[in-house]
Amino acid sequence: MVDIHADGAAIITAARQQWDTRAIKDYTFALTPFCFCAGMGLPITVQVRNGEEASPAGNLSVNGLFDWSEFAVDDEIGYAVSDFQLTP
């Protein structure tokens, strides 16, 4: 039997370590939340400058997504990240 929580936590921990090692501070990406909720499924553009979310507000940076995923491994909501770009 696979322990979803343990396996998911290990995957998230490894991915976060890789992200932290790269020390990327300036980037944009499209974030599409999906669930069975009304109004979900529409992408939003997230801008991060100098490691801080520039827009929109709500802890949507990559670090913020890691924070959310640590306690929501089997939650009924998910997020798709696309169009990730480093910005000068």
N, C-alpha and C. Protein backbone atom coordinates (compact mmCIF):
# COMPACT_ATOMS: atom_id res chain seq x y z
N MET A 1 0.84 -1.18 0.00
CA MET A 1 0.00 0.00 0.00
C MET A 1 0.89 1.25 0.00
N VAL A 2 0.52 2.24 -0.80
CA VAL A 2 1.28 3.48 -0.91
C VAL A 2 0.70 4.50 0.06
N ASP A 3 1.55 5.12 0.83
CA ASP A 3 1.13 6.18 1.74
C ASP A 3 1.19 7.50 0.97
N ILE A 4 0.04 7.98 0.53
CA ILE A 4 -0.01 9.19 -0.30
C ILE A 4 0.62 10.37 0.42
N HIS A 5 0.36 10.50 1.72
CA HIS A 5 0.89 11.64 2.46
C HIS A 5 2.41 11.59 2.54
N ALA A 6 2.97 10.45 2.85
CA ALA A 6 4.43 10.33 2.98
C ALA A 6 5.10 10.50 1.63
N ASP A 7 4.58 9.84 0.59
CA ASP A 7 5.18 9.95 -0.73
C ASP A 7 5.05 11.38 -1.27
N GLY A 8 3.87 11.97 -1.10
CA GLY A 8 3.67 13.34 -1.56
C GLY A 8 4.56 14.33 -0.84
N ALA A 9 4.70 14.16 0.46
CA ALA A 9 5.55 15.05 1.25
C ALA A 9 7.01 14.93 0.82
N ALA A 10 7.47 13.72 0.53
CA ALA A 10 8.86 13.53 0.10
C ALA A 10 9.10 14.18 -1.26
N ILE A 11 8.14 14.06 -2.16
CA ILE A 11 8.27 14.68 -3.48
C ILE A 11 8.31 16.20 -3.35
N ILE A 12 7.43 16.75 -2.54
CA ILE A 12 7.38 18.20 -2.34
C ILE A 12 8.66 18.70 -1.68
N THR A 13 9.17 17.99 -0.69
CA THR A 13 10.41 18.38 -0.02
C THR A 13 11.57 18.40 -1.00
N ALA A 14 11.69 17.38 -1.83
CA ALA A 14 12.78 17.33 -2.82
C ALA A 14 12.66 18.46 -3.84
N ALA A 15 11.44 18.72 -4.31
CA ALA A 15 11.23 19.79 -5.29
C ALA A 15 11.55 21.15 -4.68
N ARG A 16 11.14 21.36 -3.43
CA ARG A 16 11.43 22.64 -2.77
C ARG A 16 12.94 22.84 -2.60
N GLN A 17 13.66 21.79 -2.26
CA GLN A 17 15.12 21.89 -2.12
C GLN A 17 15.77 22.27 -3.45
N GLN A 18 15.29 21.68 -4.54
CA GLN A 18 15.82 22.04 -5.86
C GLN A 18 15.52 23.49 -6.19
N TRP A 19 14.30 23.94 -5.89
CA TRP A 19 13.92 25.33 -6.14
C TRP A 19 14.80 26.27 -5.32
N ASP A 20 14.97 26.00 -4.03
CA ASP A 20 15.77 26.86 -3.15
C ASP A 20 17.22 26.93 -3.61
N THR A 21 17.76 25.82 -4.10
CA THR A 21 19.15 25.78 -4.57
C THR A 21 19.37 26.74 -5.74
N ARG A 22 18.37 26.88 -6.56
CA ARG A 22 18.50 27.76 -7.75
C ARG A 22 18.40 29.24 -7.40
N ALA A 23 17.83 29.58 -6.27
CA ALA A 23 17.73 30.97 -5.78
C ALA A 23 17.15 31.92 -6.83
N ILE A 24 16.07 31.49 -7.49
CA ILE A 24 15.42 32.33 -8.50
C ILE A 24 14.57 33.37 -7.78
N LYS A 25 14.78 34.64 -8.10
CA LYS A 25 14.10 35.73 -7.39
C LYS A 25 13.12 36.52 -8.25
N ASP A 26 13.29 36.50 -9.59
CA ASP A 26 12.46 37.31 -10.48
C ASP A 26 11.86 36.42 -11.57
N TYR A 27 10.52 36.31 -11.56
CA TYR A 27 9.87 35.44 -12.53
C TYR A 27 8.39 35.75 -12.62
N THR A 28 7.77 35.25 -13.68
CA THR A 28 6.32 35.31 -13.84
C THR A 28 5.85 33.92 -14.25
N PHE A 29 4.59 33.64 -13.97
CA PHE A 29 3.98 32.41 -14.44
C PHE A 29 2.47 32.54 -14.41
N ALA A 30 1.81 31.67 -15.17
CA ALA A 30 0.35 31.61 -15.14
C ALA A 30 -0.05 30.51 -14.16
N LEU A 31 -0.99 30.82 -13.30
CA LEU A 31 -1.47 29.88 -12.30
C LEU A 31 -2.96 29.64 -12.54
N THR A 32 -3.31 28.38 -12.72
CA THR A 32 -4.71 28.03 -12.93
C THR A 32 -5.15 27.10 -11.81
N PRO A 33 -5.99 27.59 -10.90
CA PRO A 33 -6.53 26.72 -9.86
C PRO A 33 -7.67 25.88 -10.45
N PHE A 34 -7.80 24.65 -9.97
CA PHE A 34 -8.91 23.84 -10.43
C PHE A 34 -9.48 23.03 -9.27
N CYS A 35 -10.81 22.97 -9.24
CA CYS A 35 -11.55 22.19 -8.25
C CYS A 35 -12.99 22.18 -8.70
N PHE A 36 -13.86 21.78 -7.81
CA PHE A 36 -15.28 21.77 -8.12
C PHE A 36 -15.96 23.06 -7.63
N CYS A 37 -15.20 24.13 -7.54
CA CYS A 37 -15.70 25.40 -7.03
C CYS A 37 -16.12 26.31 -8.19
N ALA A 38 -17.06 27.19 -7.94
CA ALA A 38 -17.46 28.17 -8.95
C ALA A 38 -16.33 29.17 -9.18
N GLY A 39 -16.14 29.55 -10.43
CA GLY A 39 -15.14 30.56 -10.77
C GLY A 39 -13.72 30.05 -10.87
N MET A 40 -13.50 28.78 -10.67
CA MET A 40 -12.15 28.23 -10.77
C MET A 40 -11.87 27.86 -12.23
N GLY A 41 -10.60 27.70 -12.52
CA GLY A 41 -10.21 27.29 -13.86
C GLY A 41 -9.74 28.42 -14.74
N LEU A 42 -9.80 29.64 -14.25
CA LEU A 42 -9.33 30.79 -15.02
C LEU A 42 -7.90 31.12 -14.59
N PRO A 43 -6.96 31.20 -15.55
CA PRO A 43 -5.57 31.47 -15.18
C PRO A 43 -5.37 32.91 -14.72
N ILE A 44 -4.45 33.09 -13.81
CA ILE A 44 -4.03 34.42 -13.39
C ILE A 44 -2.51 34.50 -13.57
N THR A 45 -2.02 35.68 -13.86
CA THR A 45 -0.58 35.88 -14.02
C THR A 45 0.00 36.33 -12.69
N VAL A 46 1.04 35.62 -12.25
CA VAL A 46 1.71 35.93 -11.00
C VAL A 46 3.08 36.51 -11.33
N GLN A 47 3.40 37.66 -10.75
CA GLN A 47 4.70 38.29 -10.94
C GLN A 47 5.43 38.31 -9.60
N VAL A 48 6.68 37.86 -9.62
CA VAL A 48 7.50 37.87 -8.41
C VAL A 48 8.77 38.65 -8.71
N ARG A 49 9.09 39.61 -7.86
CA ARG A 49 10.27 40.44 -8.03
C ARG A 49 11.08 40.40 -6.74
N ASN A 50 12.36 40.14 -6.87
CA ASN A 50 13.26 40.08 -5.72
C ASN A 50 12.73 39.13 -4.63
N GLY A 51 12.12 38.03 -5.09
CA GLY A 51 11.63 37.03 -4.15
C GLY A 51 10.30 37.33 -3.50
N GLU A 52 9.72 38.50 -3.79
CA GLU A 52 8.45 38.90 -3.20
C GLU A 52 7.39 38.99 -4.29
N GLU A 53 6.20 38.54 -3.95
CA GLU A 53 5.10 38.60 -4.90
C GLU A 53 4.74 40.06 -5.20
N ALA A 54 4.79 40.42 -6.49
CA ALA A 54 4.46 41.78 -6.91
C ALA A 54 2.96 41.89 -7.23
N SER A 55 2.40 40.87 -7.83
CA SER A 55 0.97 40.85 -8.11
C SER A 55 0.56 39.44 -8.50
N PRO A 56 -0.63 39.04 -8.26
CA PRO A 56 -1.58 39.62 -7.30
C PRO A 56 -1.20 39.22 -5.89
N ALA A 57 -1.92 39.70 -4.91
CA ALA A 57 -1.64 39.35 -3.52
C ALA A 57 -2.23 37.98 -3.21
N GLY A 58 -1.66 37.30 -2.23
CA GLY A 58 -2.24 36.04 -1.81
C GLY A 58 -1.26 34.89 -1.65
N ASN A 59 0.03 35.18 -1.51
CA ASN A 59 1.05 34.14 -1.32
C ASN A 59 1.06 33.14 -2.47
N LEU A 60 1.09 33.67 -3.70
CA LEU A 60 1.04 32.85 -4.89
C LEU A 60 2.40 32.62 -5.53
N SER A 61 3.46 33.00 -4.87
CA SER A 61 4.80 32.74 -5.41
C SER A 61 5.06 31.24 -5.40
N VAL A 62 6.15 30.80 -6.02
CA VAL A 62 6.49 29.38 -5.98
C VAL A 62 6.65 28.91 -4.54
N ASN A 63 7.29 29.72 -3.70
CA ASN A 63 7.42 29.35 -2.28
C ASN A 63 6.05 29.23 -1.62
N GLY A 64 5.15 30.12 -1.96
CA GLY A 64 3.79 30.05 -1.43
C GLY A 64 3.08 28.77 -1.86
N LEU A 65 3.28 28.38 -3.13
CA LEU A 65 2.67 27.14 -3.62
C LEU A 65 3.23 25.93 -2.89
N PHE A 66 4.54 25.95 -2.61
CA PHE A 66 5.11 24.86 -1.82
C PHE A 66 4.48 24.82 -0.43
N ASP A 67 4.29 25.99 0.19
CA ASP A 67 3.67 26.04 1.51
C ASP A 67 2.29 25.41 1.48
N TRP A 68 1.49 25.78 0.49
CA TRP A 68 0.13 25.24 0.38
C TRP A 68 0.17 23.74 0.18
N SER A 69 1.05 23.29 -0.69
CA SER A 69 1.05 21.87 -1.07
C SER A 69 1.47 20.97 0.09
N GLU A 70 2.21 21.49 1.05
CA GLU A 70 2.66 20.67 2.17
C GLU A 70 1.49 20.20 3.04
N PHE A 71 0.40 20.96 3.08
CA PHE A 71 -0.72 20.53 3.90
C PHE A 71 -1.93 20.13 3.06
N ALA A 72 -1.81 20.17 1.75
CA ALA A 72 -2.96 19.86 0.89
C ALA A 72 -2.63 18.81 -0.16
N VAL A 73 -1.83 17.83 0.20
CA VAL A 73 -1.41 16.82 -0.76
C VAL A 73 -2.60 16.09 -1.36
N ASP A 74 -3.63 15.83 -0.58
CA ASP A 74 -4.78 15.09 -1.10
C ASP A 74 -6.05 15.93 -1.09
N ASP A 75 -5.93 17.24 -1.07
CA ASP A 75 -7.08 18.12 -1.05
C ASP A 75 -7.81 18.06 -2.38
N GLU A 76 -9.00 18.60 -2.43
CA GLU A 76 -9.79 18.56 -3.65
C GLU A 76 -9.54 19.76 -4.54
N ILE A 77 -8.48 20.48 -4.30
CA ILE A 77 -8.12 21.60 -5.16
C ILE A 77 -6.70 21.39 -5.66
N GLY A 78 -6.46 21.81 -6.87
CA GLY A 78 -5.13 21.68 -7.44
C GLY A 78 -4.77 22.94 -8.18
N TYR A 79 -3.52 23.02 -8.59
CA TYR A 79 -3.03 24.20 -9.29
C TYR A 79 -2.16 23.76 -10.45
N ALA A 80 -2.36 24.38 -11.60
CA ALA A 80 -1.51 24.13 -12.74
C ALA A 80 -0.68 25.38 -12.98
N VAL A 81 0.63 25.21 -13.09
CA VAL A 81 1.54 26.32 -13.37
C VAL A 81 2.00 26.18 -14.82
N SER A 82 1.91 27.25 -15.58
CA SER A 82 2.34 27.24 -16.97
C SER A 82 3.00 28.57 -17.32
N ASP A 83 3.62 28.61 -18.45
CA ASP A 83 4.24 29.82 -18.99
C ASP A 83 5.22 30.46 -17.99
N PHE A 84 6.00 29.64 -17.31
CA PHE A 84 7.00 30.14 -16.35
C PHE A 84 8.11 30.83 -17.11
N GLN A 85 8.44 32.06 -16.72
CA GLN A 85 9.50 32.82 -17.37
C GLN A 85 10.33 33.55 -16.35
N LEU A 86 11.65 33.45 -16.51
CA LEU A 86 12.55 34.28 -15.71
C LEU A 86 12.48 35.69 -16.24
N THR A 87 12.54 36.67 -15.36
CA THR A 87 12.51 38.06 -15.79
C THR A 87 13.79 38.76 -15.33
N PRO A 88 14.29 39.64 -16.19
CA PRO A 88 15.54 40.34 -15.83
C PRO A 88 15.31 41.39 -14.76
